[in-house]
Each structure stands twice: as C-alpha cells, then as structure tokens.
N, C-alpha and C. Protein backbone atom coordinates (compact mmCIF):
# COMPACT_ATOMS: atom_id res chain seq x y z
N UNK A 1 14.97 28.50 12.30
CA UNK A 1 15.16 27.56 11.20
C UNK A 1 14.04 26.53 11.14
N UNK A 2 13.37 26.27 12.27
CA UNK A 2 12.28 25.30 12.31
C UNK A 2 11.10 25.70 11.47
N UNK A 3 10.82 27.01 11.35
CA UNK A 3 9.69 27.47 10.57
C UNK A 3 9.83 27.13 9.10
N UNK A 4 11.05 26.94 8.65
CA UNK A 4 11.29 26.71 7.23
C UNK A 4 10.69 25.40 6.73
N UNK A 5 10.63 24.39 7.56
CA UNK A 5 10.15 23.08 7.11
C UNK A 5 8.65 22.94 7.30
N UNK A 6 8.07 23.68 8.23
CA UNK A 6 6.62 23.60 8.46
C UNK A 6 5.87 24.22 7.30
N UNK A 7 4.57 24.04 7.31
CA UNK A 7 3.72 24.77 6.38
C UNK A 7 3.46 24.06 5.08
N UNK A 8 3.82 24.72 3.98
CA UNK A 8 3.45 24.25 2.65
C UNK A 8 4.07 22.89 2.31
N UNK A 9 5.28 22.64 2.78
CA UNK A 9 5.91 21.33 2.50
C UNK A 9 5.12 20.20 3.15
N UNK A 10 4.76 20.39 4.40
CA UNK A 10 4.00 19.36 5.10
C UNK A 10 2.66 19.12 4.43
N UNK A 11 2.01 20.19 3.98
CA UNK A 11 0.72 20.06 3.31
C UNK A 11 0.87 19.30 2.00
N UNK A 12 1.94 19.60 1.24
CA UNK A 12 2.17 18.89 -0.02
C UNK A 12 2.42 17.40 0.24
N UNK A 13 3.22 17.09 1.27
CA UNK A 13 3.48 15.69 1.62
C UNK A 13 2.20 14.99 2.06
N UNK A 14 1.42 15.65 2.91
CA UNK A 14 0.19 15.04 3.41
C UNK A 14 -0.82 14.82 2.27
N UNK A 15 -0.93 15.78 1.35
CA UNK A 15 -1.84 15.64 0.21
C UNK A 15 -1.42 14.47 -0.68
N UNK A 16 -0.11 14.36 -0.92
CA UNK A 16 0.41 13.26 -1.74
C UNK A 16 0.09 11.91 -1.08
N UNK A 17 0.38 11.80 0.22
CA UNK A 17 0.12 10.54 0.93
C UNK A 17 -1.36 10.19 0.90
N UNK A 18 -2.23 11.17 1.15
CA UNK A 18 -3.67 10.91 1.14
C UNK A 18 -4.16 10.48 -0.24
N UNK A 19 -3.65 11.12 -1.30
CA UNK A 19 -4.05 10.76 -2.66
C UNK A 19 -3.60 9.35 -3.03
N UNK A 20 -2.36 9.00 -2.66
CA UNK A 20 -1.85 7.65 -2.98
C UNK A 20 -2.67 6.59 -2.25
N UNK A 21 -2.96 6.81 -0.97
CA UNK A 21 -3.75 5.84 -0.20
C UNK A 21 -5.16 5.72 -0.79
N UNK A 22 -5.77 6.85 -1.11
CA UNK A 22 -7.14 6.84 -1.68
C UNK A 22 -7.16 6.07 -3.00
N UNK A 23 -6.21 6.36 -3.89
CA UNK A 23 -6.18 5.69 -5.19
C UNK A 23 -5.83 4.20 -5.07
N UNK A 24 -4.95 3.86 -4.14
CA UNK A 24 -4.61 2.44 -3.92
C UNK A 24 -5.83 1.67 -3.44
N UNK A 25 -6.63 2.29 -2.56
CA UNK A 25 -7.84 1.62 -2.08
C UNK A 25 -8.87 1.47 -3.20
N UNK A 26 -8.94 2.45 -4.09
CA UNK A 26 -9.83 2.33 -5.24
C UNK A 26 -9.35 1.21 -6.16
N UNK A 27 -8.04 1.19 -6.45
CA UNK A 27 -7.48 0.18 -7.35
C UNK A 27 -7.67 -1.23 -6.82
N UNK A 28 -7.49 -1.42 -5.54
CA UNK A 28 -7.59 -2.77 -4.98
C UNK A 28 -9.05 -3.25 -4.93
N UNK A 29 -9.99 -2.33 -4.95
CA UNK A 29 -11.40 -2.71 -4.93
C UNK A 29 -11.97 -2.98 -6.31
N UNK A 30 -11.23 -2.67 -7.37
CA UNK A 30 -11.72 -2.89 -8.73
C UNK A 30 -11.80 -4.38 -9.06
N UNK A 31 -12.66 -4.71 -9.99
CA UNK A 31 -12.71 -6.09 -10.47
C UNK A 31 -11.90 -6.19 -11.76
N UNK A 32 -11.35 -7.35 -11.98
CA UNK A 32 -10.63 -7.60 -13.22
C UNK A 32 -11.02 -8.97 -13.74
N UNK A 33 -10.72 -9.20 -15.00
CA UNK A 33 -11.09 -10.47 -15.62
C UNK A 33 -9.95 -11.47 -15.46
N UNK A 34 -10.28 -12.64 -14.98
CA UNK A 34 -9.31 -13.72 -14.82
C UNK A 34 -9.83 -14.94 -15.58
N UNK A 35 -8.94 -15.90 -15.80
CA UNK A 35 -9.35 -17.14 -16.47
C UNK A 35 -9.07 -18.31 -15.56
N UNK A 36 -10.01 -19.26 -15.56
CA UNK A 36 -9.79 -20.45 -14.77
C UNK A 36 -8.99 -21.47 -15.59
N UNK A 37 -8.77 -22.66 -15.02
CA UNK A 37 -7.93 -23.66 -15.68
C UNK A 37 -8.53 -24.18 -16.98
N UNK A 38 -9.86 -24.02 -17.15
CA UNK A 38 -10.51 -24.47 -18.39
C UNK A 38 -10.60 -23.36 -19.43
N UNK A 39 -10.04 -22.18 -19.11
CA UNK A 39 -10.03 -21.09 -20.07
C UNK A 39 -11.25 -20.19 -20.01
N UNK A 40 -12.15 -20.43 -19.07
CA UNK A 40 -13.35 -19.63 -18.96
C UNK A 40 -13.04 -18.34 -18.17
N UNK A 41 -13.51 -17.20 -18.68
CA UNK A 41 -13.27 -15.91 -18.03
C UNK A 41 -14.29 -15.66 -16.93
N UNK A 42 -13.84 -14.99 -15.87
CA UNK A 42 -14.74 -14.60 -14.79
C UNK A 42 -14.19 -13.32 -14.15
N UNK A 43 -15.08 -12.58 -13.47
CA UNK A 43 -14.70 -11.35 -12.78
C UNK A 43 -14.20 -11.69 -11.38
N UNK A 44 -13.18 -10.95 -10.94
CA UNK A 44 -12.57 -11.24 -9.65
C UNK A 44 -12.08 -9.93 -9.03
N UNK A 45 -12.20 -9.81 -7.73
CA UNK A 45 -11.66 -8.66 -7.00
C UNK A 45 -10.26 -9.01 -6.51
N UNK A 46 -9.40 -7.99 -6.44
CA UNK A 46 -8.05 -8.21 -5.93
C UNK A 46 -8.11 -8.55 -4.44
N UNK A 47 -8.94 -7.82 -3.70
CA UNK A 47 -9.05 -8.00 -2.25
C UNK A 47 -10.49 -8.31 -1.92
N UNK A 48 -10.84 -9.58 -1.91
CA UNK A 48 -12.24 -9.95 -1.71
C UNK A 48 -12.69 -9.76 -0.26
N UNK A 49 -11.79 -9.89 0.70
CA UNK A 49 -12.20 -9.76 2.10
C UNK A 49 -12.25 -8.31 2.56
N UNK A 50 -11.51 -7.43 1.92
CA UNK A 50 -11.47 -6.03 2.31
C UNK A 50 -10.43 -5.73 3.38
N UNK A 51 -9.77 -6.74 3.91
CA UNK A 51 -8.78 -6.53 4.98
C UNK A 51 -7.56 -5.76 4.47
N UNK A 52 -7.07 -6.13 3.30
CA UNK A 52 -5.90 -5.43 2.76
C UNK A 52 -6.25 -3.98 2.45
N UNK A 53 -7.40 -3.76 1.86
CA UNK A 53 -7.84 -2.40 1.53
C UNK A 53 -7.92 -1.54 2.78
N UNK A 54 -8.49 -2.08 3.84
CA UNK A 54 -8.64 -1.32 5.08
C UNK A 54 -7.32 -1.10 5.81
N UNK A 55 -6.32 -1.90 5.50
CA UNK A 55 -5.03 -1.76 6.20
C UNK A 55 -4.11 -0.72 5.57
N UNK A 56 -4.43 -0.22 4.39
CA UNK A 56 -3.55 0.73 3.70
C UNK A 56 -3.66 2.09 4.38
N UNK A 57 -2.54 2.57 4.93
CA UNK A 57 -2.50 3.87 5.58
C UNK A 57 -1.16 4.54 5.26
N UNK A 58 -1.06 5.80 5.67
CA UNK A 58 0.20 6.51 5.52
C UNK A 58 0.50 7.26 6.80
N UNK A 59 1.76 7.49 7.04
CA UNK A 59 2.20 8.23 8.22
C UNK A 59 3.22 9.26 7.77
N UNK A 60 2.99 10.50 8.13
CA UNK A 60 3.87 11.60 7.74
C UNK A 60 4.82 11.90 8.89
N UNK A 61 6.11 11.88 8.62
CA UNK A 61 7.13 12.17 9.62
C UNK A 61 7.83 13.46 9.23
N UNK A 62 7.73 14.47 10.10
CA UNK A 62 8.42 15.74 9.83
C UNK A 62 9.32 16.15 10.99
N UNK A 63 9.35 15.37 12.04
CA UNK A 63 10.21 15.67 13.17
C UNK A 63 11.07 14.45 13.49
N UNK A 64 12.27 14.72 13.98
CA UNK A 64 13.13 13.63 14.44
C UNK A 64 12.69 13.25 15.84
N UNK A 65 13.30 12.23 16.41
CA UNK A 65 12.90 11.76 17.73
C UNK A 65 13.16 12.79 18.82
N UNK A 66 14.17 13.66 18.63
CA UNK A 66 14.46 14.67 19.65
C UNK A 66 13.63 15.95 19.45
N UNK A 67 12.66 15.92 18.51
CA UNK A 67 11.75 17.04 18.36
C UNK A 67 12.12 18.06 17.31
N UNK A 68 13.32 17.94 16.72
CA UNK A 68 13.72 18.90 15.69
C UNK A 68 13.03 18.57 14.38
N UNK A 69 12.91 19.57 13.53
CA UNK A 69 12.32 19.35 12.21
C UNK A 69 13.37 18.74 11.30
N UNK A 70 12.90 17.87 10.43
CA UNK A 70 13.79 17.23 9.46
C UNK A 70 13.16 17.36 8.09
N UNK A 71 13.81 16.80 7.11
CA UNK A 71 13.18 16.70 5.79
C UNK A 71 12.02 15.73 5.96
N UNK A 72 10.82 16.11 5.59
CA UNK A 72 9.66 15.26 5.79
C UNK A 72 9.72 14.00 4.93
N UNK A 73 9.16 12.93 5.43
CA UNK A 73 9.04 11.70 4.64
C UNK A 73 7.76 10.98 5.02
N UNK A 74 7.35 10.09 4.15
CA UNK A 74 6.09 9.38 4.31
C UNK A 74 6.36 7.89 4.45
N UNK A 75 5.65 7.26 5.37
CA UNK A 75 5.71 5.80 5.52
C UNK A 75 4.34 5.26 5.12
N UNK A 76 4.31 4.42 4.10
CA UNK A 76 3.07 3.77 3.69
C UNK A 76 3.02 2.41 4.36
N UNK A 77 1.86 2.08 4.95
CA UNK A 77 1.72 0.81 5.67
C UNK A 77 0.55 0.02 5.11
N UNK A 78 0.69 -1.31 5.11
CA UNK A 78 -0.38 -2.22 4.73
C UNK A 78 -0.05 -3.60 5.30
N UNK A 79 -0.98 -4.52 5.20
CA UNK A 79 -0.71 -5.87 5.69
C UNK A 79 0.51 -6.46 4.99
N UNK A 80 1.14 -7.40 5.65
CA UNK A 80 2.41 -7.96 5.20
C UNK A 80 2.36 -8.51 3.77
N UNK A 81 1.28 -9.15 3.40
CA UNK A 81 1.20 -9.76 2.07
C UNK A 81 0.87 -8.76 0.97
N UNK A 82 0.63 -7.51 1.33
CA UNK A 82 0.27 -6.49 0.34
C UNK A 82 1.34 -6.29 -0.73
N UNK A 83 2.60 -6.39 -0.34
CA UNK A 83 3.68 -6.24 -1.32
C UNK A 83 3.64 -7.35 -2.36
N UNK A 84 3.34 -8.58 -1.93
CA UNK A 84 3.24 -9.70 -2.88
C UNK A 84 2.04 -9.54 -3.80
N UNK A 85 0.95 -8.97 -3.29
CA UNK A 85 -0.22 -8.75 -4.13
C UNK A 85 0.10 -7.68 -5.17
N UNK A 86 0.80 -6.63 -4.75
CA UNK A 86 1.15 -5.54 -5.66
C UNK A 86 2.19 -5.96 -6.70
N UNK A 87 3.28 -6.52 -6.27
CA UNK A 87 4.40 -6.86 -7.16
C UNK A 87 4.30 -8.26 -7.77
N UNK A 88 3.43 -9.10 -7.22
CA UNK A 88 3.34 -10.46 -7.71
C UNK A 88 4.42 -11.33 -7.09
N UNK A 89 4.51 -12.55 -7.56
CA UNK A 89 5.51 -13.49 -7.05
C UNK A 89 6.00 -14.31 -8.22
N UNK A 90 7.30 -14.36 -8.40
CA UNK A 90 7.85 -15.06 -9.56
C UNK A 90 7.72 -16.58 -9.38
N UNK A 91 7.71 -17.26 -10.49
CA UNK A 91 7.63 -18.72 -10.46
C UNK A 91 8.89 -19.29 -9.83
N UNK A 92 8.75 -20.44 -9.19
CA UNK A 92 9.90 -21.08 -8.56
C UNK A 92 9.98 -20.81 -7.07
N UNK A 93 9.17 -19.87 -6.60
CA UNK A 93 9.20 -19.53 -5.18
C UNK A 93 7.79 -19.70 -4.63
N UNK A 94 7.66 -20.51 -3.60
CA UNK A 94 6.34 -20.77 -3.04
C UNK A 94 6.00 -19.81 -1.92
N UNK A 95 4.87 -20.07 -1.30
CA UNK A 95 4.37 -19.29 -0.18
C UNK A 95 4.56 -20.13 1.07
N UNK A 96 4.81 -19.51 2.23
CA UNK A 96 4.90 -20.32 3.46
C UNK A 96 3.61 -21.13 3.66
N UNK A 97 3.73 -22.44 3.85
CA UNK A 97 2.53 -23.29 3.94
C UNK A 97 1.57 -22.86 5.04
N UNK A 98 2.09 -22.43 6.19
CA UNK A 98 1.20 -22.04 7.29
C UNK A 98 0.37 -20.81 6.92
N UNK A 99 0.93 -19.90 6.13
CA UNK A 99 0.18 -18.73 5.67
C UNK A 99 -1.00 -19.15 4.80
N UNK A 100 -0.78 -20.13 3.94
CA UNK A 100 -1.87 -20.64 3.11
C UNK A 100 -2.93 -21.36 3.94
N UNK A 101 -2.50 -22.14 4.92
CA UNK A 101 -3.44 -22.85 5.78
C UNK A 101 -4.30 -21.85 6.55
N UNK A 102 -3.67 -20.80 7.08
CA UNK A 102 -4.43 -19.76 7.79
C UNK A 102 -5.42 -19.07 6.86
N UNK A 103 -4.99 -18.79 5.63
CA UNK A 103 -5.85 -18.14 4.65
C UNK A 103 -7.07 -19.02 4.32
N UNK A 104 -6.84 -20.32 4.16
CA UNK A 104 -7.94 -21.25 3.85
C UNK A 104 -8.91 -21.33 5.04
N UNK A 105 -8.37 -21.38 6.24
CA UNK A 105 -9.23 -21.53 7.44
C UNK A 105 -10.05 -20.28 7.75
N UNK A 106 -9.57 -19.11 7.36
CA UNK A 106 -10.35 -17.91 7.67
C UNK A 106 -11.38 -17.59 6.59
N UNK A 107 -11.56 -18.43 5.62
CA UNK A 107 -12.51 -18.22 4.54
C UNK A 107 -13.56 -19.32 4.52
N UNK A 108 -14.33 -19.51 5.58
CA UNK A 108 -15.26 -20.65 5.60
C UNK A 108 -16.32 -20.64 4.51
N UNK A 109 -16.99 -19.55 4.18
CA UNK A 109 -18.05 -19.67 3.18
C UNK A 109 -17.51 -19.78 1.75
N UNK A 110 -16.32 -19.32 1.50
CA UNK A 110 -15.81 -19.27 0.12
C UNK A 110 -15.22 -20.60 -0.35
N UNK A 111 -14.46 -21.25 0.50
CA UNK A 111 -13.78 -22.47 0.09
C UNK A 111 -14.51 -23.68 0.65
N UNK A 112 -15.09 -24.43 -0.26
CA UNK A 112 -15.78 -25.67 0.10
C UNK A 112 -15.14 -26.79 -0.71
N UNK A 113 -14.82 -27.86 -0.05
CA UNK A 113 -14.15 -28.98 -0.70
C UNK A 113 -15.17 -29.97 -1.24
N UNK A 114 -14.87 -30.50 -2.43
CA UNK A 114 -15.77 -31.49 -3.06
C UNK A 114 -15.02 -32.80 -3.26
N UNK A 115 -15.76 -33.85 -3.21
CA UNK A 115 -15.24 -35.17 -3.51
C UNK A 115 -15.12 -35.29 -5.03
N UNK A 116 -13.99 -35.78 -5.53
CA UNK A 116 -13.78 -35.88 -6.99
C UNK A 116 -14.78 -36.81 -7.67
N UNK A 117 -15.05 -37.95 -7.04
CA UNK A 117 -15.91 -38.94 -7.69
C UNK A 117 -17.40 -38.59 -7.63
N UNK A 118 -17.87 -38.21 -6.45
CA UNK A 118 -19.31 -37.98 -6.29
C UNK A 118 -19.71 -36.54 -6.57
N UNK A 119 -18.79 -35.61 -6.39
CA UNK A 119 -19.10 -34.20 -6.60
C UNK A 119 -19.79 -33.56 -5.41
N UNK A 120 -20.01 -34.32 -4.35
CA UNK A 120 -20.68 -33.76 -3.18
C UNK A 120 -19.65 -33.05 -2.29
N UNK A 121 -20.16 -32.12 -1.50
CA UNK A 121 -19.29 -31.39 -0.59
C UNK A 121 -18.85 -32.30 0.54
N UNK A 122 -17.59 -32.13 0.95
CA UNK A 122 -17.06 -32.95 2.05
C UNK A 122 -16.62 -32.03 3.19
N UNK A 123 -16.46 -32.62 4.35
CA UNK A 123 -16.09 -31.86 5.54
C UNK A 123 -14.65 -31.35 5.41
N UNK A 124 -14.43 -30.14 5.91
CA UNK A 124 -13.10 -29.54 5.86
C UNK A 124 -12.31 -30.00 7.08
N UNK A 125 -11.42 -30.99 6.89
CA UNK A 125 -10.58 -31.48 7.98
C UNK A 125 -9.19 -30.89 7.84
N UNK A 126 -8.40 -31.08 8.89
CA UNK A 126 -7.05 -30.52 8.90
C UNK A 126 -6.19 -31.10 7.77
N UNK A 127 -6.30 -32.41 7.55
CA UNK A 127 -5.49 -33.04 6.50
C UNK A 127 -5.92 -32.57 5.11
N UNK A 128 -7.22 -32.36 4.90
CA UNK A 128 -7.69 -31.87 3.60
C UNK A 128 -7.27 -30.42 3.37
N UNK A 129 -7.28 -29.62 4.43
CA UNK A 129 -6.83 -28.22 4.32
C UNK A 129 -5.34 -28.20 3.97
N UNK A 130 -4.55 -29.06 4.62
CA UNK A 130 -3.12 -29.12 4.31
C UNK A 130 -2.89 -29.57 2.87
N UNK A 131 -3.70 -30.52 2.41
CA UNK A 131 -3.59 -30.98 1.02
C UNK A 131 -3.93 -29.87 0.04
N UNK A 132 -4.98 -29.10 0.33
CA UNK A 132 -5.34 -27.97 -0.52
C UNK A 132 -4.24 -26.92 -0.53
N UNK A 133 -3.67 -26.65 0.65
CA UNK A 133 -2.57 -25.68 0.74
C UNK A 133 -1.37 -26.15 -0.09
N UNK A 134 -1.10 -27.45 -0.05
CA UNK A 134 0.00 -27.99 -0.84
C UNK A 134 -0.25 -27.79 -2.34
N UNK A 135 -1.46 -28.06 -2.81
CA UNK A 135 -1.79 -27.93 -4.23
C UNK A 135 -1.71 -26.47 -4.67
N UNK A 136 -2.22 -25.56 -3.84
CA UNK A 136 -2.15 -24.13 -4.17
C UNK A 136 -0.69 -23.68 -4.23
N UNK A 137 0.10 -24.12 -3.25
CA UNK A 137 1.51 -23.73 -3.21
C UNK A 137 2.27 -24.29 -4.41
N UNK A 138 1.94 -25.51 -4.82
CA UNK A 138 2.59 -26.11 -5.99
C UNK A 138 2.30 -25.29 -7.25
N UNK A 139 1.06 -24.82 -7.38
CA UNK A 139 0.71 -24.00 -8.54
C UNK A 139 1.44 -22.66 -8.50
N UNK A 140 1.54 -22.05 -7.31
CA UNK A 140 2.27 -20.79 -7.19
C UNK A 140 3.74 -20.99 -7.54
N UNK A 141 4.33 -22.10 -7.09
CA UNK A 141 5.73 -22.38 -7.43
C UNK A 141 5.92 -22.57 -8.94
N UNK A 142 4.95 -23.19 -9.58
CA UNK A 142 5.07 -23.48 -11.01
C UNK A 142 4.81 -22.24 -11.87
N UNK A 143 3.76 -21.47 -11.56
CA UNK A 143 3.35 -20.35 -12.42
C UNK A 143 3.59 -18.97 -11.82
N UNK A 144 3.78 -18.90 -10.53
CA UNK A 144 3.92 -17.60 -9.87
C UNK A 144 2.56 -16.94 -9.69
N UNK A 145 2.58 -15.70 -9.20
CA UNK A 145 1.36 -14.92 -9.03
C UNK A 145 1.54 -13.64 -9.82
N UNK A 146 0.62 -13.30 -10.72
CA UNK A 146 0.79 -12.08 -11.52
C UNK A 146 0.67 -10.83 -10.66
N UNK A 147 1.41 -9.79 -11.02
CA UNK A 147 1.37 -8.52 -10.30
C UNK A 147 0.06 -7.80 -10.59
N UNK A 148 -0.49 -7.13 -9.57
CA UNK A 148 -1.69 -6.33 -9.75
C UNK A 148 -1.37 -4.84 -9.86
N UNK A 149 -0.24 -4.42 -9.28
CA UNK A 149 0.22 -3.02 -9.30
C UNK A 149 -0.82 -2.06 -8.74
N UNK A 150 -1.64 -2.49 -7.79
CA UNK A 150 -2.66 -1.60 -7.23
C UNK A 150 -2.02 -0.42 -6.51
N UNK A 151 -0.89 -0.63 -5.83
CA UNK A 151 -0.23 0.46 -5.11
C UNK A 151 0.76 1.20 -6.01
N UNK A 152 1.50 0.47 -6.81
CA UNK A 152 2.49 1.08 -7.70
C UNK A 152 1.84 2.05 -8.66
N UNK A 153 0.72 1.67 -9.26
CA UNK A 153 0.01 2.56 -10.19
C UNK A 153 -0.48 3.82 -9.49
N UNK A 154 -1.00 3.67 -8.27
CA UNK A 154 -1.48 4.83 -7.51
C UNK A 154 -0.32 5.78 -7.19
N UNK A 155 0.81 5.22 -6.80
CA UNK A 155 1.98 6.04 -6.45
C UNK A 155 2.52 6.77 -7.67
N UNK A 156 2.69 6.04 -8.76
CA UNK A 156 3.27 6.65 -9.96
C UNK A 156 2.34 7.68 -10.60
N UNK A 157 1.02 7.50 -10.46
CA UNK A 157 0.09 8.46 -11.05
C UNK A 157 0.14 9.81 -10.31
N UNK A 158 0.56 9.81 -9.06
CA UNK A 158 0.60 11.05 -8.27
C UNK A 158 1.99 11.66 -8.19
N UNK A 159 3.01 10.96 -8.68
CA UNK A 159 4.39 11.38 -8.51
C UNK A 159 4.70 12.72 -9.19
N UNK A 160 4.33 12.88 -10.45
CA UNK A 160 4.63 14.12 -11.17
C UNK A 160 3.91 15.32 -10.56
N UNK A 161 2.65 15.12 -10.20
CA UNK A 161 1.87 16.19 -9.57
C UNK A 161 2.52 16.58 -8.24
N UNK A 162 2.98 15.58 -7.49
CA UNK A 162 3.62 15.84 -6.20
C UNK A 162 4.90 16.64 -6.37
N UNK A 163 5.71 16.29 -7.36
CA UNK A 163 6.98 17.01 -7.57
C UNK A 163 6.72 18.49 -7.86
N UNK A 164 5.72 18.77 -8.70
CA UNK A 164 5.40 20.16 -9.02
C UNK A 164 4.90 20.90 -7.77
N UNK A 165 4.02 20.27 -7.01
CA UNK A 165 3.51 20.90 -5.79
C UNK A 165 4.61 21.10 -4.76
N UNK A 166 5.53 20.15 -4.67
CA UNK A 166 6.61 20.26 -3.69
C UNK A 166 7.56 21.40 -4.03
N UNK A 167 7.84 21.59 -5.32
CA UNK A 167 8.70 22.72 -5.72
C UNK A 167 8.06 24.04 -5.32
N UNK A 168 6.77 24.19 -5.56
CA UNK A 168 6.06 25.41 -5.17
C UNK A 168 6.06 25.57 -3.65
N UNK A 169 5.86 24.47 -2.93
CA UNK A 169 5.82 24.52 -1.47
C UNK A 169 7.17 24.92 -0.90
N UNK A 170 8.24 24.38 -1.46
CA UNK A 170 9.58 24.74 -0.99
C UNK A 170 9.84 26.22 -1.24
N UNK A 171 9.45 26.71 -2.41
CA UNK A 171 9.63 28.13 -2.73
C UNK A 171 8.84 29.00 -1.74
N UNK A 172 7.59 28.63 -1.44
CA UNK A 172 6.77 29.39 -0.49
C UNK A 172 7.40 29.39 0.90
N UNK A 173 7.81 28.20 1.35
CA UNK A 173 8.39 28.10 2.69
C UNK A 173 9.69 28.88 2.79
N UNK A 174 10.52 28.81 1.75
CA UNK A 174 11.78 29.55 1.78
C UNK A 174 11.53 31.05 1.75
N UNK A 175 10.58 31.49 0.96
CA UNK A 175 10.25 32.93 0.91
C UNK A 175 9.73 33.39 2.27
N UNK A 176 8.90 32.58 2.90
CA UNK A 176 8.37 32.92 4.21
C UNK A 176 9.50 32.96 5.25
N UNK A 177 10.41 32.01 5.18
CA UNK A 177 11.53 31.95 6.11
C UNK A 177 12.42 33.18 5.96
N UNK A 178 12.73 33.54 4.72
CA UNK A 178 13.57 34.72 4.46
C UNK A 178 12.86 35.98 4.96
N UNK A 179 11.59 36.09 4.70
CA UNK A 179 10.80 37.23 5.16
C UNK A 179 10.83 37.33 6.69
N UNK A 180 10.67 36.20 7.37
CA UNK A 180 10.71 36.17 8.83
C UNK A 180 12.09 36.59 9.34
N UNK A 181 13.13 36.12 8.69
CA UNK A 181 14.49 36.47 9.10
C UNK A 181 14.77 37.96 8.90
N UNK A 182 14.30 38.52 7.80
CA UNK A 182 14.48 39.95 7.53
C UNK A 182 13.73 40.77 8.57
N UNK A 183 12.51 40.36 8.89
CA UNK A 183 11.74 41.06 9.92
C UNK A 183 12.44 41.00 11.26
N UNK A 184 13.02 39.84 11.60
CA UNK A 184 13.74 39.68 12.86
C UNK A 184 14.96 40.58 12.89
N UNK A 185 15.71 40.62 11.80
CA UNK A 185 16.91 41.47 11.72
C UNK A 185 16.52 42.94 11.82
N UNK A 186 15.46 43.34 11.12
CA UNK A 186 15.01 44.74 11.17
C UNK A 186 14.54 45.10 12.58
N UNK A 187 13.85 44.19 13.26
CA UNK A 187 13.36 44.46 14.61
C UNK A 187 14.51 44.62 15.59
N UNK A 188 15.55 43.77 15.47
CA UNK A 188 16.70 43.87 16.39
C UNK A 188 17.56 45.11 16.07
N UNK A 189 17.68 45.46 14.80
CA UNK A 189 18.48 46.64 14.44
C UNK A 189 17.76 47.93 14.81
N UNK A 190 16.43 47.92 14.83
CA UNK A 190 15.66 49.10 15.22
C UNK A 190 15.78 49.33 16.72
N UNK A 191 15.82 48.24 17.52
CA UNK A 191 15.98 48.35 18.97
C UNK A 191 17.33 48.92 19.34
N UNK A 192 18.39 48.55 18.58
CA UNK A 192 19.75 49.01 18.86
C UNK A 192 19.90 50.50 18.54
N UNK A 193 19.15 51.01 17.56
CA UNK A 193 19.32 52.40 17.15
C UNK A 193 18.73 53.37 18.08
C-alpha cells in the first residue's frame, strides 16, 4: 500500500511547492508605485532588505512520524512578519513597539533623523528611535498597512494547474498500484499451481 502514495503525487506536490516559492520570491522583489504624505509618487520594493524573500521556503511531508506514508502536504515557511506583509494590517491595530524599534535599529543607512527646524541630520539616540517607532505605530493604527498579496497571488496562480496535475498523478499512481497488486497476485497464484 505504501507504493500507492509515492511517485507522481509527490512530484506534483513538490513541483507545486517549488513554483509557489519561486513566484512569491519574484513578486516580493518587484517594485510598485507608492505615494508619500505630500502626494508625490515614488517606486518602492516590498522587501528592500531581501531577508523576507530569502526566508520563503517549502517543506513537503509525505510520511508520518512512525514512517508510514500519508496523504502528502506542504508547509510554506517565511519570517514571522511575512503574513502581515502579504495580507496587510487593518486600521485600529498597531504593531508591537519593540518590533518597530528593532526594525529601525537594523536599518542604519536607510533611516536618518533630521531636526525639524534646521533640517540637519541628528544623532540616532534611544529616545529618538522610540519616538519614531511611536509615530510609525500611530500611523499604522490610523491607516493600517495595505496588502501586497505577494504570496497569495503566487499560490492562487498555481492552484488550478496543480489540481489538474494532481488528478493525473493520482490516476498514474493508482494504475501503478493496481498493476503491482495484479502482478503480485499472479506471481503467488503461479507458485501455488
């Protein structure tokens, strides 16, 4: 019975997972047009650091913990905030402040603070970083974060193709299993005769 699940089904699952991951990485690397607070348009990447893009992987599970074959399934993995980037965040709900502070601190060349009156750059201190995190969080609470659908679009674009391939794979595997069983029955009945 184990031979029935191996083969074409696993290949169809693995191909689907690889295609979704590949397309999600392409989608997250694309640039899109955004507008700043003054209404001016500019180009922006969804994942400017590349960390989220590099974290997207898939894992194919076709065996249970005791080693038996099961119905195969796929686990897609990415950094924790990837779901919020994909689905967005509704208004009224903020981000954990420490997550924002960590994000600001790990981006030294990108985020530079300026003095409002003089316009000159000022030193990035802990209190100024906390103030910036508060302002960013307040804006997220007020307006939310728009969805990018980088992963959802990749998944949905491959879904119909996967269903068709999986039906063919199941038919192939079942035909192979039946053929193997018939051969086994014929071999045992020939020995008895």
